[in-house]
Amino acid sequence: MPPVCIDAKKIYLFPFFLAVFFAAAFFFFAAIA
């Protein structure tokens, strides 16, 4: 049961980290340009 919980948590957090990464990259390139 714990591995399933950890896997589900990773699935739920992945889009959040992906959005944070793209937002950071956008502001980074916006600051350069």
N, C-alpha and C. Protein backbone atom coordinates (compact mmCIF):
# COMPACT_ATOMS: atom_id res chain seq x y z
N MET A 1 0.82 -1.22 0.00
CA MET A 1 0.00 0.00 0.00
C MET A 1 0.85 1.27 0.00
N PRO A 2 1.90 1.39 0.79
CA PRO A 2 2.73 2.61 0.75
C PRO A 2 3.32 2.91 -0.63
N PRO A 3 3.85 1.90 -1.37
CA PRO A 3 4.39 2.22 -2.70
C PRO A 3 3.31 2.81 -3.62
N VAL A 4 2.08 2.30 -3.51
CA VAL A 4 1.00 2.83 -4.35
C VAL A 4 0.71 4.28 -3.97
N CYS A 5 0.75 4.57 -2.66
CA CYS A 5 0.49 5.94 -2.20
C CYS A 5 1.58 6.87 -2.71
N ILE A 6 2.84 6.42 -2.64
CA ILE A 6 3.95 7.25 -3.10
C ILE A 6 3.83 7.48 -4.61
N ASP A 7 3.46 6.42 -5.35
CA ASP A 7 3.33 6.55 -6.80
C ASP A 7 2.22 7.53 -7.15
N ALA A 8 1.09 7.44 -6.44
CA ALA A 8 -0.02 8.36 -6.69
C ALA A 8 0.40 9.79 -6.37
N LYS A 9 1.18 9.96 -5.30
CA LYS A 9 1.62 11.30 -4.93
C LYS A 9 2.53 11.86 -6.02
N LYS A 10 3.38 11.01 -6.59
CA LYS A 10 4.27 11.47 -7.66
C LYS A 10 3.45 11.88 -8.88
N ILE A 11 2.41 11.10 -9.18
CA ILE A 11 1.58 11.41 -10.35
C ILE A 11 0.85 12.74 -10.15
N TYR A 12 0.41 13.00 -8.91
CA TYR A 12 -0.31 14.25 -8.65
C TYR A 12 0.63 15.46 -8.62
N LEU A 13 1.89 15.26 -8.17
CA LEU A 13 2.81 16.39 -8.04
C LEU A 13 3.55 16.69 -9.34
N PHE A 14 3.60 15.73 -10.27
CA PHE A 14 4.37 15.93 -11.50
C PHE A 14 3.90 17.14 -12.30
N PRO A 15 2.59 17.30 -12.57
CA PRO A 15 2.15 18.49 -13.31
C PRO A 15 2.47 19.79 -12.60
N PHE A 16 2.42 19.76 -11.25
CA PHE A 16 2.73 20.98 -10.49
C PHE A 16 4.18 21.38 -10.70
N PHE A 17 5.11 20.42 -10.58
CA PHE A 17 6.53 20.73 -10.77
C PHE A 17 6.79 21.12 -12.23
N LEU A 18 6.07 20.50 -13.17
CA LEU A 18 6.25 20.84 -14.57
C LEU A 18 5.82 22.28 -14.83
N ALA A 19 4.70 22.70 -14.23
CA ALA A 19 4.22 24.07 -14.40
C ALA A 19 5.20 25.06 -13.76
N VAL A 20 5.73 24.72 -12.58
CA VAL A 20 6.70 25.60 -11.93
C VAL A 20 7.96 25.72 -12.78
N PHE A 21 8.40 24.61 -13.37
CA PHE A 21 9.60 24.64 -14.21
C PHE A 21 9.39 25.54 -15.42
N PHE A 22 8.25 25.41 -16.11
CA PHE A 22 8.00 26.23 -17.30
C PHE A 22 7.83 27.70 -16.92
N ALA A 23 7.23 27.98 -15.77
CA ALA A 23 7.08 29.37 -15.33
C ALA A 23 8.45 29.97 -15.04
N ALA A 24 9.32 29.21 -14.38
CA ALA A 24 10.66 29.71 -14.07
C ALA A 24 11.45 29.93 -15.36
N ALA A 25 11.33 29.02 -16.31
CA ALA A 25 12.04 29.18 -17.59
C ALA A 25 11.51 30.40 -18.34
N PHE A 26 10.19 30.63 -18.29
CA PHE A 26 9.61 31.77 -18.99
C PHE A 26 10.13 33.09 -18.41
N PHE A 27 10.12 33.20 -17.08
CA PHE A 27 10.61 34.43 -16.45
C PHE A 27 12.11 34.59 -16.69
N PHE A 28 12.84 33.47 -16.74
CA PHE A 28 14.29 33.54 -16.97
C PHE A 28 14.58 34.12 -18.35
N PHE A 29 13.89 33.58 -19.38
CA PHE A 29 14.13 34.08 -20.74
C PHE A 29 13.56 35.48 -20.92
N ALA A 30 12.47 35.81 -20.21
CA ALA A 30 11.91 37.15 -20.29
C ALA A 30 12.88 38.16 -19.69
N ALA A 31 13.60 37.77 -18.64
CA ALA A 31 14.57 38.68 -18.03
C ALA A 31 15.77 38.88 -18.95
N ILE A 32 16.12 37.84 -19.71
CA ILE A 32 17.27 37.96 -20.63
C ILE A 32 16.89 38.85 -21.82
N ALA A 33 15.68 38.66 -22.36
CA ALA A 33 15.28 39.37 -23.57
C ALA A 33 14.99 40.85 -23.33
